[in-house]
Amino acid sequence: MAKTKISTLNLRIDPSIKEAVREAASREHRSVANMVEVLIRRHCDQSGITIPEQADLFPGNKHG
């Protein structure tokens, strides 16, 4: 499996929203972090925002 660069995102959020994300993650058998990523990706897709692949961001990295 290719290694990927991971970035940390720290944020403050209303406790009720945090609990809702936990519930959504649980229902989809995901971690909270993965659920947040999925939600961001869905929003960007619906809004026409392109998320480049890591290979496009770091062309010097050749994994796999």
N, C-alpha and C. Protein backbone atom coordinates (compact mmCIF):
# COMPACT_ATOMS: atom_id res chain seq x y z
N MET A 1 0.85 -1.18 0.00
CA MET A 1 0.00 0.00 0.00
C MET A 1 0.89 1.24 0.00
N ALA A 2 0.54 2.20 -0.79
CA ALA A 2 1.32 3.44 -0.89
C ALA A 2 1.11 4.28 0.37
N LYS A 3 2.20 4.90 0.81
CA LYS A 3 2.11 5.81 1.94
C LYS A 3 1.51 7.12 1.46
N THR A 4 0.70 7.73 2.31
CA THR A 4 0.12 9.03 1.96
C THR A 4 0.48 10.03 3.04
N LYS A 5 0.56 11.27 2.66
CA LYS A 5 0.80 12.33 3.63
C LYS A 5 -0.53 12.65 4.30
N ILE A 6 -0.50 12.79 5.60
CA ILE A 6 -1.69 13.10 6.37
C ILE A 6 -1.48 14.43 7.07
N SER A 7 -2.50 15.26 7.07
CA SER A 7 -2.46 16.55 7.74
C SER A 7 -3.45 16.53 8.90
N THR A 8 -3.09 17.18 9.98
CA THR A 8 -3.96 17.25 11.15
C THR A 8 -4.82 18.49 11.08
N LEU A 9 -6.08 18.34 11.46
CA LEU A 9 -7.01 19.47 11.51
C LEU A 9 -7.63 19.50 12.91
N ASN A 10 -7.31 20.52 13.66
CA ASN A 10 -7.89 20.70 14.99
C ASN A 10 -9.00 21.73 14.88
N LEU A 11 -10.15 21.43 15.46
CA LEU A 11 -11.24 22.39 15.41
C LEU A 11 -12.09 22.29 16.65
N ARG A 12 -12.78 23.37 16.92
CA ARG A 12 -13.74 23.40 18.02
C ARG A 12 -15.12 23.30 17.38
N ILE A 13 -15.97 22.50 18.01
CA ILE A 13 -17.28 22.23 17.42
C ILE A 13 -18.31 22.10 18.54
N ASP A 14 -19.53 22.48 18.25
CA ASP A 14 -20.62 22.36 19.20
C ASP A 14 -20.76 20.88 19.61
N PRO A 15 -20.90 20.61 20.90
CA PRO A 15 -21.01 19.22 21.35
C PRO A 15 -22.13 18.42 20.68
N SER A 16 -23.23 19.06 20.36
CA SER A 16 -24.33 18.34 19.72
C SER A 16 -23.97 17.94 18.28
N ILE A 17 -23.19 18.76 17.60
CA ILE A 17 -22.74 18.41 16.25
C ILE A 17 -21.71 17.28 16.34
N LYS A 18 -20.84 17.36 17.32
CA LYS A 18 -19.86 16.28 17.50
C LYS A 18 -20.57 14.95 17.73
N GLU A 19 -21.59 14.95 18.55
CA GLU A 19 -22.34 13.71 18.82
C GLU A 19 -23.05 13.22 17.55
N ALA A 20 -23.56 14.14 16.75
CA ALA A 20 -24.21 13.75 15.50
C ALA A 20 -23.20 13.11 14.54
N VAL A 21 -22.00 13.66 14.49
CA VAL A 21 -20.95 13.07 13.63
C VAL A 21 -20.58 11.69 14.15
N ARG A 22 -20.48 11.55 15.46
CA ARG A 22 -20.19 10.23 16.05
C ARG A 22 -21.26 9.21 15.65
N GLU A 23 -22.51 9.62 15.72
CA GLU A 23 -23.62 8.74 15.36
C GLU A 23 -23.57 8.37 13.87
N ALA A 24 -23.34 9.38 13.03
CA ALA A 24 -23.24 9.12 11.59
C ALA A 24 -22.09 8.17 11.29
N ALA A 25 -20.96 8.37 11.95
CA ALA A 25 -19.80 7.50 11.75
C ALA A 25 -20.12 6.07 12.19
N SER A 26 -20.76 5.94 13.31
CA SER A 26 -21.12 4.62 13.82
C SER A 26 -22.06 3.88 12.85
N ARG A 27 -23.03 4.60 12.34
CA ARG A 27 -23.99 3.98 11.41
C ARG A 27 -23.34 3.50 10.12
N GLU A 28 -22.25 4.16 9.72
CA GLU A 28 -21.55 3.77 8.48
C GLU A 28 -20.28 2.98 8.78
N HIS A 29 -20.10 2.58 10.04
CA HIS A 29 -18.93 1.79 10.46
C HIS A 29 -17.63 2.48 10.07
N ARG A 30 -17.56 3.78 10.37
CA ARG A 30 -16.38 4.59 10.08
C ARG A 30 -15.85 5.20 11.36
N SER A 31 -14.61 5.66 11.31
CA SER A 31 -14.09 6.46 12.42
C SER A 31 -14.67 7.87 12.27
N VAL A 32 -14.61 8.64 13.33
CA VAL A 32 -15.09 10.02 13.27
C VAL A 32 -14.26 10.80 12.25
N ALA A 33 -12.94 10.61 12.26
CA ALA A 33 -12.07 11.32 11.31
C ALA A 33 -12.43 10.98 9.87
N ASN A 34 -12.67 9.70 9.61
CA ASN A 34 -13.03 9.30 8.25
C ASN A 34 -14.39 9.87 7.87
N MET A 35 -15.33 9.89 8.82
CA MET A 35 -16.66 10.44 8.53
C MET A 35 -16.57 11.92 8.19
N VAL A 36 -15.75 12.67 8.92
CA VAL A 36 -15.57 14.09 8.63
C VAL A 36 -14.99 14.25 7.23
N GLU A 37 -13.99 13.44 6.88
CA GLU A 37 -13.42 13.51 5.53
C GLU A 37 -14.47 13.21 4.47
N VAL A 38 -15.28 12.19 4.69
CA VAL A 38 -16.33 11.84 3.73
C VAL A 38 -17.32 13.00 3.57
N LEU A 39 -17.71 13.60 4.67
CA LEU A 39 -18.66 14.71 4.61
C LEU A 39 -18.06 15.90 3.85
N ILE A 40 -16.79 16.18 4.08
CA ILE A 40 -16.14 17.28 3.36
C ILE A 40 -16.06 16.96 1.87
N ARG A 41 -15.69 15.72 1.54
CA ARG A 41 -15.61 15.33 0.13
C ARG A 41 -16.98 15.42 -0.56
N ARG A 42 -18.04 14.97 0.13
CA ARG A 42 -19.40 15.07 -0.43
C ARG A 42 -19.78 16.52 -0.67
N HIS A 43 -19.50 17.37 0.30
CA HIS A 43 -19.84 18.79 0.16
C HIS A 43 -19.09 19.40 -1.02
N CYS A 44 -17.79 19.14 -1.10
CA CYS A 44 -16.99 19.69 -2.20
C CYS A 44 -17.50 19.19 -3.54
N ASP A 45 -17.83 17.91 -3.62
CA ASP A 45 -18.36 17.35 -4.86
C ASP A 45 -19.66 18.04 -5.27
N GLN A 46 -20.55 18.24 -4.31
CA GLN A 46 -21.83 18.89 -4.59
C GLN A 46 -21.66 20.36 -4.92
N SER A 47 -20.58 20.97 -4.45
CA SER A 47 -20.34 22.39 -4.68
C SER A 47 -19.41 22.67 -5.86
N GLY A 48 -18.98 21.60 -6.53
CA GLY A 48 -18.10 21.77 -7.68
C GLY A 48 -16.67 22.14 -7.31
N ILE A 49 -16.26 21.78 -6.11
CA ILE A 49 -14.90 22.04 -5.66
C ILE A 49 -14.07 20.79 -5.89
N THR A 50 -13.00 20.92 -6.68
CA THR A 50 -12.15 19.79 -6.99
C THR A 50 -11.12 19.59 -5.88
N ILE A 51 -10.99 18.35 -5.46
CA ILE A 51 -9.96 17.99 -4.49
C ILE A 51 -8.89 17.22 -5.25
N PRO A 52 -7.70 17.79 -5.41
CA PRO A 52 -6.65 17.09 -6.17
C PRO A 52 -6.17 15.85 -5.43
N GLU A 53 -5.74 14.86 -6.19
CA GLU A 53 -5.16 13.66 -5.61
C GLU A 53 -3.79 14.01 -5.04
N GLN A 54 -3.34 13.28 -4.04
CA GLN A 54 -2.04 13.56 -3.43
C GLN A 54 -0.92 13.45 -4.46
N ALA A 55 -1.02 12.53 -5.41
CA ALA A 55 0.02 12.40 -6.43
C ALA A 55 0.17 13.69 -7.22
N ASP A 56 -0.94 14.43 -7.40
CA ASP A 56 -0.89 15.70 -8.11
C ASP A 56 -0.25 16.79 -7.25
N LEU A 57 -0.42 16.67 -5.93
CA LEU A 57 0.14 17.67 -5.02
C LEU A 57 1.63 17.45 -4.78
N PHE A 58 2.04 16.18 -4.81
CA PHE A 58 3.42 15.82 -4.51
C PHE A 58 3.98 14.97 -5.65
N PRO A 59 4.20 15.57 -6.82
CA PRO A 59 4.61 14.78 -7.99
C PRO A 59 5.96 14.08 -7.81
N GLY A 60 6.80 14.52 -6.89
CA GLY A 60 8.10 13.89 -6.69
C GLY A 60 8.00 12.57 -5.94
N ASN A 61 6.87 12.33 -5.26
CA ASN A 61 6.69 11.08 -4.50
C ASN A 61 6.22 10.00 -5.44
N LYS A 62 6.98 8.92 -5.52
CA LYS A 62 6.58 7.81 -6.38
C LYS A 62 6.43 6.60 -5.50
N HIS A 63 5.16 6.28 -5.17
CA HIS A 63 4.84 5.12 -4.34
C HIS A 63 4.04 4.16 -5.18
N GLY A 64 4.20 2.88 -4.88
CA GLY A 64 3.35 1.87 -5.50
C GLY A 64 3.94 1.37 -6.70
